[in-house]
Amino acid sequence: MRIHDLKGQEVITLKRPLRCSSCCFPCCLQEIEIYAPPGIPIGYVTQTWHPCLPKFTIQNENKKDILRIIGPYFVCNFCGNIEYKDFMFYENNGCIQLLAGGI
């Protein structure tokens, strides 16, 4: 996906390969690469395998973990929004967990 500004210049590129969304295939987890400006990576989002929970890790341009997102236990919502409430922020010497309702 290419995102352009009002002048028509490309400002962000998102690369997301086609992947299987089943928990039975942990070798095909979801991932996306974010480039801004195009050609310069600024971050990644990768799925962490879990049989019941949607778990994602946001990484910086060096693929260092910055934020972990854990979704609700049971996800059965077709064409709707999923509310994520639990976030874990990483620091150099440990991690801080932020429990924020309604995010």
Protein backbone atom coordinates (compact mmCIF):
# COMPACT_ATOMS: atom_id res chain seq x y z
CA MET A 1 0.00 0.00 0.00
CA ARG A 2 1.30 3.44 -0.89
CA ILE A 3 0.12 6.54 0.98
CA HIS A 4 0.37 9.90 -0.79
CA ASP A 5 0.12 13.45 0.51
CA LEU A 6 -2.17 16.10 -1.01
CA LYS A 7 0.49 16.92 -3.63
CA GLY A 8 0.52 13.31 -4.83
CA GLN A 9 3.96 12.50 -3.40
CA GLU A 10 4.38 9.11 -1.78
CA VAL A 11 5.12 9.58 1.94
CA ILE A 12 4.57 6.11 3.46
CA THR A 13 4.85 2.61 2.01
CA LEU A 14 3.36 -0.43 3.76
CA LYS A 15 4.50 -3.89 2.67
CA ARG A 16 2.42 -6.80 3.89
CA PRO A 17 2.85 -10.21 2.27
CA LEU A 18 -0.17 -12.47 1.96
CA ARG A 19 -0.25 -14.76 5.00
CA CYS A 20 -2.57 -17.37 6.46
CA SER A 21 -4.55 -16.18 9.50
CA SER A 22 -5.03 -19.63 11.04
CA CYS A 23 -3.38 -20.47 14.37
CA CYS A 24 -2.58 -23.91 12.91
CA PHE A 25 0.20 -22.45 10.74
CA PRO A 26 2.73 -20.68 13.03
CA CYS A 27 5.21 -20.51 10.14
CA CYS A 28 2.92 -18.04 8.30
CA LEU A 29 2.30 -15.36 10.94
CA GLN A 30 1.18 -11.86 9.96
CA GLU A 31 3.78 -9.14 9.43
CA ILE A 32 3.99 -5.67 7.91
CA GLU A 33 6.92 -3.40 7.08
CA ILE A 34 6.55 0.40 7.28
CA TYR A 35 8.73 2.73 5.18
CA ALA A 36 8.72 6.54 5.45
CA PRO A 37 9.94 8.09 3.26
CA PRO A 38 9.66 5.22 0.77
CA GLY A 39 12.75 3.01 0.83
CA ILE A 40 13.73 3.84 4.42
CA PRO A 41 12.35 1.38 7.02
CA ILE A 42 10.95 2.98 10.18
CA GLY A 43 9.26 -0.01 11.79
CA TYR A 44 7.71 -3.43 11.66
CA VAL A 45 4.67 -5.15 13.16
CA THR A 46 4.92 -8.91 13.60
CA GLN A 47 2.47 -11.44 14.97
CA THR A 48 3.57 -13.66 17.85
CA TRP A 49 2.10 -17.16 17.75
CA HIS A 50 -0.52 -18.04 20.36
CA PRO A 51 -3.36 -20.59 19.96
CA CYS A 52 -6.11 -18.30 21.36
CA LEU A 53 -4.91 -14.69 21.62
CA PRO A 54 -4.02 -12.24 18.86
CA LYS A 55 -0.53 -11.01 19.86
CA PHE A 56 1.52 -8.47 17.93
CA THR A 57 4.92 -6.86 18.51
CA ILE A 58 5.78 -3.41 17.19
CA GLN A 59 9.47 -3.04 16.36
CA ASN A 60 11.67 -0.08 15.43
CA GLU A 61 13.79 0.18 12.28
CA ASN A 62 16.42 -2.14 13.84
CA LYS A 63 13.76 -4.77 14.62
CA LYS A 64 14.07 -4.07 18.37
CA ASP A 65 10.82 -4.66 20.28
CA ILE A 66 9.12 -1.44 21.39
CA LEU A 67 5.52 -2.39 22.13
CA ARG A 68 3.60 -5.62 22.56
CA ILE A 69 -0.14 -5.68 21.89
CA ILE A 70 -2.33 -8.49 23.24
CA GLY A 71 -5.87 -8.78 21.96
CA PRO A 72 -9.01 -10.17 23.56
CA TYR A 73 -9.23 -13.89 24.35
CA PHE A 74 -12.06 -14.76 21.99
CA VAL A 75 -12.24 -12.94 18.67
CA CYS A 76 -15.36 -13.60 16.64
CA ASN A 77 -16.25 -10.35 14.96
CA PHE A 78 -16.79 -10.27 11.21
CA CYS A 79 -16.23 -6.89 9.54
CA GLY A 80 -16.10 -5.07 12.86
CA ASN A 81 -13.61 -3.53 15.25
CA ILE A 82 -11.66 -5.45 17.88
CA GLU A 83 -10.89 -3.53 21.06
CA TYR A 84 -7.34 -3.97 22.37
CA LYS A 85 -6.86 -3.10 26.04
CA ASP A 86 -3.49 -4.56 27.15
CA PHE A 87 -0.19 -3.02 26.06
CA MET A 88 3.35 -3.76 27.22
CA PHE A 89 6.05 -1.12 26.66
CA TYR A 90 9.68 -2.24 26.59
CA GLU A 91 12.65 -0.41 28.08
CA ASN A 92 16.35 -1.21 28.06
CA ASN A 93 16.44 -2.87 31.49
CA GLY A 94 13.04 -4.47 31.69
CA CYS A 95 9.49 -3.77 30.72
CA ILE A 96 6.64 -1.61 31.88
CA GLN A 97 3.09 -2.85 31.50
CA LEU A 98 0.39 -0.32 30.78
CA LEU A 99 -3.16 -1.54 31.22
CA ALA A 100 -5.34 0.99 29.47
CA GLY A 101 -9.04 0.37 29.08
CA GLY A 102 -10.79 1.35 25.88
CA ILE A 103 -7.74 1.83 23.68
